[in-house]
Amino acid sequence: MGNYKELMVWQKSVDLVTDIYSYTKQFPKEEIYSLTSQIRRSSISIPSNIAERHSRRSRIDYIQFLKIARGSCAELETQLMISKNLDYLRLTEFNYLIQKSEEISKMLNALITKLQVNPNT
C-alpha cells in the first residue's frame, strides 16, 4: 500500500473535517468546549488514525487503527444526531454530514476486509 495521502478514504475524511469545522462555527459559543470540541476531535481522529499506519510496521496494527477510525465515524454520527436534536444543525446539514461519514465508514470497512482477507496488501 502506498502513501496514505493517496487513499481516497483519507482524502474524503480530510474533506469531512473541513466541513465539520465550517458547520460547527455556527454552534452556540457555550458549546465551544463541549459538543463543538467533541465533534471536531471525532472528525480529526478519522484521517489521523488512517495516517498512523505509516508509523506502524504490522498489518495487524494498521487494521486496529482503521477500526479506531471507523469507531470515530460512529462517535461523530452520534454527536451530529445530538446536534440536530438541539437544533444546532439544520436537517439538510445533518443529512449531508451523515452521508459523508457513512460513506467513509463503508470505505473503512472495505479496506479492513481487504487487509484481513489478503495479508499481502
C-alpha atoms as a PDB file:
ATOM      1  CA  MET A   1       0.000   0.000   0.000  1.00  0.00           C
ATOM      2  CA  GLY A   2       1.344   3.385  -0.978  1.00  0.00           C
ATOM      3  CA  ASN A   3       1.259   6.720   0.747  1.00  0.00           C
ATOM      4  CA  TYR A   4      -1.812   7.261   2.928  1.00  0.00           C
ATOM      5  CA  LYS A   5      -2.441  10.592   1.160  1.00  0.00           C
ATOM      6  CA  GLU A   6      -3.253   8.595  -1.978  1.00  0.00           C
ATOM      7  CA  LEU A   7      -6.073   6.746  -0.217  1.00  0.00           C
ATOM      8  CA  MET A   8      -9.496   8.063  -1.228  1.00  0.00           C
ATOM      9  CA  VAL A   9     -10.808   7.314   2.268  1.00  0.00           C
ATOM     10  CA  TRP A  10      -8.130   9.554   3.802  1.00  0.00           C
ATOM     11  CA  GLN A  11      -8.864  12.340   1.302  1.00  0.00           C
ATOM     12  CA  LYS A  12     -12.614  12.152   1.946  1.00  0.00           C
ATOM     13  CA  SER A  13     -12.089  12.144   5.696  1.00  0.00           C
ATOM     14  CA  VAL A  14      -9.916  15.276   5.491  1.00  0.00           C
ATOM     15  CA  ASP A  15     -12.708  16.923   3.479  1.00  0.00           C
ATOM     16  CA  LEU A  16     -15.179  15.888   6.174  1.00  0.00           C
ATOM     17  CA  VAL A  17     -13.041  17.560   8.856  1.00  0.00           C
ATOM     18  CA  THR A  18     -13.083  20.767   6.821  1.00  0.00           C
ATOM     19  CA  ASP A  19     -16.872  20.584   6.530  1.00  0.00           C
ATOM     20  CA  ILE A  20     -17.240  19.851  10.246  1.00  0.00           C
ATOM     21  CA  TYR A  21     -15.226  22.939  11.143  1.00  0.00           C
ATOM     22  CA  SER A  22     -17.350  25.085   8.830  1.00  0.00           C
ATOM     23  CA  TYR A  23     -20.651  23.829  10.230  1.00  0.00           C
ATOM     24  CA  THR A  24     -19.631  23.919  13.889  1.00  0.00           C
ATOM     25  CA  LYS A  25     -18.628  27.591  13.631  1.00  0.00           C
ATOM     26  CA  GLN A  26     -22.353  28.349  13.864  1.00  0.00           C
ATOM     27  CA  PHE A  27     -22.824  26.381  17.098  1.00  0.00           C
ATOM     28  CA  PRO A  28     -23.582  28.367  20.265  1.00  0.00           C
ATOM     29  CA  LYS A  29     -20.492  29.779  21.954  1.00  0.00           C
ATOM     30  CA  GLU A  30     -21.303  27.896  25.173  1.00  0.00           C
ATOM     31  CA  GLU A  31     -20.691  24.645  23.247  1.00  0.00           C
ATOM     32  CA  ILE A  32     -17.119  25.515  22.229  1.00  0.00           C
ATOM     33  CA  TYR A  33     -15.549  23.383  24.988  1.00  0.00           C
ATOM     34  CA  SER A  34     -18.115  20.608  24.903  1.00  0.00           C
ATOM     35  CA  LEU A  35     -20.089  19.417  21.882  1.00  0.00           C
ATOM     36  CA  THR A  36     -18.218  21.537  19.312  1.00  0.00           C
ATOM     37  CA  SER A  37     -14.886  20.304  20.630  1.00  0.00           C
ATOM     38  CA  GLN A  38     -16.069  16.661  20.753  1.00  0.00           C
ATOM     39  CA  ILE A  39     -17.355  16.758  17.175  1.00  0.00           C
ATOM     40  CA  ARG A  40     -14.153  18.302  15.898  1.00  0.00           C
ATOM     41  CA  ARG A  41     -11.973  15.795  17.755  1.00  0.00           C
ATOM     42  CA  SER A  42     -14.016  12.841  16.476  1.00  0.00           C
ATOM     43  CA  SER A  43     -13.736  14.040  12.903  1.00  0.00           C
ATOM     44  CA  ILE A  44      -9.988  14.732  13.185  1.00  0.00           C
ATOM     45  CA  SER A  45      -9.468  11.254  14.607  1.00  0.00           C
ATOM     46  CA  ILE A  46     -10.617   9.628  11.366  1.00  0.00           C
ATOM     47  CA  PRO A  47      -7.859  10.787   8.950  1.00  0.00           C
ATOM     48  CA  SER A  48      -5.321  10.861  11.781  1.00  0.00           C
ATOM     49  CA  ASN A  49      -5.778   7.157  12.506  1.00  0.00           C
ATOM     50  CA  ILE A  50      -5.625   6.316   8.804  1.00  0.00           C
ATOM     51  CA  ALA A  51      -2.326   8.223   8.581  1.00  0.00           C
ATOM     52  CA  GLU A  52      -0.995   6.495  11.703  1.00  0.00           C
ATOM     53  CA  ARG A  53      -0.414   3.428   9.531  1.00  0.00           C
ATOM     54  CA  HIS A  54       2.886   4.832   8.317  1.00  0.00           C
ATOM     55  CA  SER A  55       4.459   4.703  11.751  1.00  0.00           C
ATOM     56  CA  ARG A  56       3.375   1.078  12.164  1.00  0.00           C
ATOM     57  CA  ARG A  57       5.056  -1.861  10.573  1.00  0.00           C
ATOM     58  CA  SER A  58       2.463  -4.552  11.092  1.00  0.00           C
ATOM     59  CA  ARG A  59      -0.734  -5.147   9.162  1.00  0.00           C
ATOM     60  CA  ILE A  60      -2.496  -6.073  12.413  1.00  0.00           C
ATOM     61  CA  ASP A  61      -1.617  -2.669  13.894  1.00  0.00           C
ATOM     62  CA  TYR A  62      -2.833  -0.937  10.749  1.00  0.00           C
ATOM     63  CA  ILE A  63      -6.150  -2.796  10.867  1.00  0.00           C
ATOM     64  CA  GLN A  64      -6.537  -1.758  14.508  1.00  0.00           C
ATOM     65  CA  PHE A  65      -6.007   1.924  13.619  1.00  0.00           C
ATOM     66  CA  LEU A  66      -8.544   1.621  10.796  1.00  0.00           C
ATOM     67  CA  LYS A  67     -11.020   0.159  13.288  1.00  0.00           C
ATOM     68  CA  ILE A  68     -10.388   3.113  15.601  1.00  0.00           C
ATOM     69  CA  ALA A  69     -11.082   5.449  12.660  1.00  0.00           C
ATOM     70  CA  ARG A  70     -14.310   3.550  11.991  1.00  0.00           C
ATOM     71  CA  GLY A  71     -15.262   3.921  15.649  1.00  0.00           C
ATOM     72  CA  SER A  72     -14.633   7.654  15.383  1.00  0.00           C
ATOM     73  CA  CYS A  73     -17.124   7.743  12.494  1.00  0.00           C
ATOM     74  CA  ALA A  74     -19.777   6.192  14.743  1.00  0.00           C
ATOM     75  CA  GLU A  75     -18.912   8.615  17.538  1.00  0.00           C
ATOM     76  CA  LEU A  76     -19.172  11.539  15.105  1.00  0.00           C
ATOM     77  CA  GLU A  77     -22.550  10.348  13.815  1.00  0.00           C
ATOM     78  CA  THR A  78     -23.870  10.195  17.384  1.00  0.00           C
ATOM     79  CA  GLN A  79     -22.655  13.718  18.110  1.00  0.00           C
ATOM     80  CA  LEU A  80     -24.164  15.006  14.867  1.00  0.00           C
ATOM     81  CA  MET A  81     -27.514  13.451  15.831  1.00  0.00           C
ATOM     82  CA  ILE A  82     -27.371  15.243  19.177  1.00  0.00           C
ATOM     83  CA  SER A  83     -26.519  18.485  17.378  1.00  0.00           C
ATOM     84  CA  LYS A  84     -29.508  18.061  15.093  1.00  0.00           C
ATOM     85  CA  ASN A  85     -31.783  17.292  18.050  1.00  0.00           C
ATOM     86  CA  LEU A  86     -30.598  20.503  19.740  1.00  0.00           C
ATOM     87  CA  ASP A  87     -31.262  22.446  16.518  1.00  0.00           C
ATOM     88  CA  TYR A  88     -27.584  23.306  16.099  1.00  0.00           C
ATOM     89  CA  LEU A  89     -27.678  21.700  12.647  1.00  0.00           C
ATOM     90  CA  ARG A  90     -30.437  22.004  10.072  1.00  0.00           C
ATOM     91  CA  LEU A  91     -31.750  18.742   8.668  1.00  0.00           C
ATOM     92  CA  THR A  92     -30.038  19.346   5.310  1.00  0.00           C
ATOM     93  CA  GLU A  93     -26.688  19.984   7.015  1.00  0.00           C
ATOM     94  CA  PHE A  94     -27.123  16.918   9.218  1.00  0.00           C
ATOM     95  CA  ASN A  95     -28.010  14.696   6.242  1.00  0.00           C
ATOM     96  CA  TYR A  96     -25.029  15.965   4.258  1.00  0.00           C
ATOM     97  CA  LEU A  97     -22.540  15.295   7.081  1.00  0.00           C
ATOM     98  CA  ILE A  98     -24.061  11.917   7.990  1.00  0.00           C
ATOM     99  CA  GLN A  99     -23.926  10.789   4.367  1.00  0.00           C
ATOM    100  CA  LYS A 100     -20.239  11.703   4.166  1.00  0.00           C
ATOM    101  CA  SER A 101     -19.484   9.946   7.449  1.00  0.00           C
ATOM    102  CA  GLU A 102     -21.374   6.798   6.408  1.00  0.00           C
ATOM    103  CA  GLU A 103     -19.524   6.714   3.089  1.00  0.00           C
ATOM    104  CA  ILE A 104     -16.175   6.937   4.903  1.00  0.00           C
ATOM    105  CA  SER A 105     -17.239   4.209   7.332  1.00  0.00           C
ATOM    106  CA  LYS A 106     -18.137   1.910   4.418  1.00  0.00           C
ATOM    107  CA  MET A 107     -14.786   2.627   2.768  1.00  0.00           C
ATOM    108  CA  LEU A 108     -13.002   1.803   6.026  1.00  0.00           C
ATOM    109  CA  ASN A 109     -14.976  -1.453   6.300  1.00  0.00           C
ATOM    110  CA  ALA A 110     -13.926  -2.398   2.765  1.00  0.00           C
ATOM    111  CA  LEU A 111     -10.269  -1.581   3.463  1.00  0.00           C
ATOM    112  CA  ILE A 112     -10.294  -3.551   6.735  1.00  0.00           C
ATOM    113  CA  THR A 113     -11.881  -6.544   4.983  1.00  0.00           C
ATOM    114  CA  LYS A 114      -9.347  -6.354   2.151  1.00  0.00           C
ATOM    115  CA  LEU A 115      -6.441  -6.311   4.596  1.00  0.00           C
ATOM    116  CA  GLN A 116      -7.877  -9.194   6.619  1.00  0.00           C
ATOM    117  CA  VAL A 117      -8.553 -11.354   3.561  1.00  0.00           C
ATOM    118  CA  ASN A 118      -5.378 -10.554   1.645  1.00  0.00           C
ATOM    119  CA  PRO A 119      -2.425 -10.247   4.048  1.00  0.00           C
ATOM    120  CA  ASN A 120      -0.089  -9.283   1.197  1.00  0.00           C
ATOM    121  CA  THR A 121      -1.895  -5.974   0.596  1.00  0.00           C
END
